[in-house]
Amino acid sequence: MINENILGTPKAQPRVKAFSRGGKAGVFTPKTADSWRKTVEIALKRHADKNLSGAIQVELNFYFARPKSHFRTGKFSHIMKDDAPRHHLKKPDLDNLAKLPLDVLTKMRYFSDDSQVVNLLVTKEYADIFDEGMRIVTKVL
């Protein structure tokens, strides 16, 4: 079982991009999430090579820093505005956020394949209580 808090700015798994150069077609994966992927790999390193079998439940909670515009100004700059949104409704998309840690767990052989995940709970919210980053909890069912 994993129960870890990983600090950093969560990034979504980028989609594969297609290109054409000199009449030849190709694909590549943008490197926009490489630093977040490395952070997740390092934090979960001790869970490598467990090769769990059977059904797995994964809970992923992503926490994002609030933008400065959510706070008052001047000497009250530490107080949030009354109309500041409660939920994180901006990009990255929730489904794309979940792909990266599941891919990392597969690559490090925590389980054979992320198809073993039968119950996936993913949330994203502002880091009002927790630090910016991700909380991951796994459980064998």
Protein backbone atom coordinates (compact mmCIF):
# COMPACT_ATOMS: atom_id res chain seq x y z
CA MET A 1 0.00 0.00 0.00
CA ILE A 2 1.16 3.51 -0.81
CA ASN A 3 0.25 6.54 1.29
CA GLU A 4 2.46 9.42 0.18
CA ASN A 5 2.34 13.20 -0.13
CA ILE A 6 4.43 14.50 -3.02
CA LEU A 7 5.26 18.20 -3.10
CA GLY A 8 5.52 20.12 -6.35
CA THR A 9 3.36 21.58 -9.09
CA PRO A 10 1.24 18.79 -10.59
CA LYS A 11 1.36 18.53 -14.38
CA ALA A 12 -0.82 16.55 -16.75
CA GLN A 13 0.54 13.78 -18.93
CA PRO A 14 1.01 15.49 -22.32
CA ARG A 15 -0.62 13.95 -25.38
CA VAL A 16 1.51 12.53 -28.16
CA LYS A 17 1.92 15.08 -30.98
CA ALA A 18 2.24 14.28 -34.68
CA PHE A 19 4.44 16.22 -37.10
CA SER A 20 5.57 16.18 -40.70
CA ARG A 21 9.09 17.19 -41.69
CA GLY A 22 10.51 16.84 -45.19
CA GLY A 23 7.65 14.61 -46.30
CA LYS A 24 8.19 12.22 -43.37
CA ALA A 25 5.63 11.83 -40.58
CA GLY A 26 6.51 11.22 -36.97
CA VAL A 27 5.25 11.53 -33.41
CA PHE A 28 6.76 12.78 -30.17
CA THR A 29 5.72 13.36 -26.57
CA PRO A 30 6.25 16.94 -25.34
CA LYS A 31 8.56 17.27 -22.34
CA THR A 32 6.27 19.68 -20.44
CA ALA A 33 5.71 17.28 -17.53
CA ASP A 34 9.21 15.77 -17.28
CA SER A 35 10.15 17.54 -14.03
CA TRP A 36 6.86 16.52 -12.35
CA ARG A 37 7.30 12.93 -13.60
CA LYS A 38 10.82 12.85 -12.11
CA THR A 39 9.50 14.19 -8.79
CA VAL A 40 6.83 11.47 -8.68
CA GLU A 41 9.34 8.75 -9.63
CA ILE A 42 11.74 9.80 -6.86
CA ALA A 43 8.98 10.00 -4.25
CA LEU A 44 7.60 6.56 -5.11
CA LYS A 45 10.98 4.85 -5.68
CA ARG A 46 10.76 2.77 -2.51
CA HIS A 47 7.57 1.12 -3.81
CA ALA A 48 9.22 -0.19 -6.99
CA ASP A 49 9.24 -3.85 -8.09
CA LYS A 50 6.34 -4.99 -5.89
CA ASN A 51 4.55 -6.49 -8.93
CA LEU A 52 1.20 -6.56 -7.15
CA SER A 53 -1.45 -8.72 -8.74
CA GLY A 54 -5.22 -8.49 -8.57
CA ALA A 55 -7.50 -5.51 -8.24
CA ILE A 56 -6.06 -2.19 -7.05
CA GLN A 57 -7.75 0.93 -5.72
CA VAL A 58 -5.97 4.26 -6.26
CA GLU A 59 -6.84 7.62 -4.74
CA LEU A 60 -5.14 10.69 -6.21
CA ASN A 61 -5.66 14.14 -4.71
CA PHE A 62 -4.03 17.04 -6.57
CA TYR A 63 -3.47 20.39 -4.85
CA PHE A 64 -2.79 23.63 -6.74
CA ALA A 65 -1.59 26.99 -5.46
CA ARG A 66 -4.20 29.71 -5.54
CA PRO A 67 -3.45 32.60 -7.91
CA LYS A 68 -2.69 35.97 -6.40
CA SER A 69 -5.99 37.31 -7.78
CA HIS A 70 -7.90 35.20 -5.22
CA PHE A 71 -6.51 37.33 -2.37
CA ARG A 72 -7.11 40.85 -1.20
CA THR A 73 -4.49 43.58 -1.58
CA GLY A 74 -2.41 45.72 0.73
CA LYS A 75 -2.19 44.83 4.39
CA PHE A 76 -4.99 42.26 3.88
CA SER A 77 -3.14 40.40 1.10
CA HIS A 78 -3.09 37.24 3.23
CA ILE A 79 -6.92 37.11 3.32
CA MET A 80 -8.86 35.45 0.54
CA LYS A 81 -11.54 37.42 -1.29
CA ASP A 82 -15.15 36.46 -0.53
CA ASP A 83 -15.80 35.67 -4.20
CA ALA A 84 -12.70 33.49 -4.68
CA PRO A 85 -13.72 30.20 -6.30
CA ARG A 86 -13.99 27.18 -4.07
CA HIS A 87 -13.16 24.58 -6.73
CA HIS A 88 -10.20 24.37 -9.12
CA LEU A 89 -12.04 24.64 -12.46
CA LYS A 90 -9.08 25.38 -14.72
CA LYS A 91 -6.65 23.19 -16.64
CA PRO A 92 -5.06 20.70 -16.30
CA ASP A 93 -7.88 18.22 -16.85
CA LEU A 94 -8.48 15.68 -14.12
CA ASP A 95 -8.14 12.63 -16.38
CA ASN A 96 -4.81 13.81 -17.77
CA LEU A 97 -3.49 14.46 -14.24
CA ALA A 98 -4.24 10.85 -13.28
CA LYS A 99 -2.41 9.34 -16.27
CA LEU A 100 1.08 10.40 -15.19
CA PRO A 101 1.22 8.77 -11.72
CA LEU A 102 -0.47 5.62 -13.05
CA ASP A 103 2.12 5.41 -15.83
CA VAL A 104 4.91 5.90 -13.28
CA LEU A 105 3.53 3.08 -11.10
CA THR A 106 3.38 0.78 -14.14
CA LYS A 107 6.90 1.69 -15.30
CA MET A 108 8.37 1.06 -11.84
CA ARG A 109 6.52 -2.29 -11.67
CA TYR A 110 4.40 -1.47 -8.62
CA PHE A 111 1.74 -3.44 -10.50
CA SER A 112 1.86 -5.24 -13.85
CA ASP A 113 -0.39 -2.78 -15.67
CA ASP A 114 -2.64 0.12 -14.77
CA SER A 115 -5.55 -1.94 -16.12
CA GLN A 116 -5.49 -3.57 -12.65
CA VAL A 117 -6.86 -0.31 -11.22
CA VAL A 118 -10.56 -1.03 -10.78
CA ASN A 119 -11.40 1.87 -8.48
CA LEU A 120 -9.91 5.30 -9.17
CA LEU A 121 -10.79 8.40 -7.15
CA VAL A 122 -9.23 11.60 -8.49
CA THR A 123 -9.75 15.10 -7.10
CA LYS A 124 -8.18 18.48 -7.74
CA GLU A 125 -8.51 21.46 -5.47
CA TYR A 126 -6.74 24.53 -4.26
CA ALA A 127 -3.97 24.04 -1.72
CA ASP A 128 -5.73 25.89 1.08
CA ILE A 129 -4.94 23.28 3.73
CA PHE A 130 -2.24 21.14 2.12
CA ASP A 131 0.89 22.22 0.26
CA GLU A 132 0.85 22.22 -3.53
CA GLY A 133 1.39 18.70 -4.84
CA MET A 134 -0.29 15.30 -4.85
CA ARG A 135 -1.46 12.77 -2.31
CA ILE A 136 -1.54 9.15 -3.48
CA VAL A 137 -3.09 6.24 -1.61
CA THR A 138 -3.26 2.71 -3.04
CA LYS A 139 -4.92 -0.39 -1.70
CA VAL A 140 -5.10 -4.00 -2.89
CA LEU A 141 -8.73 -5.12 -2.99
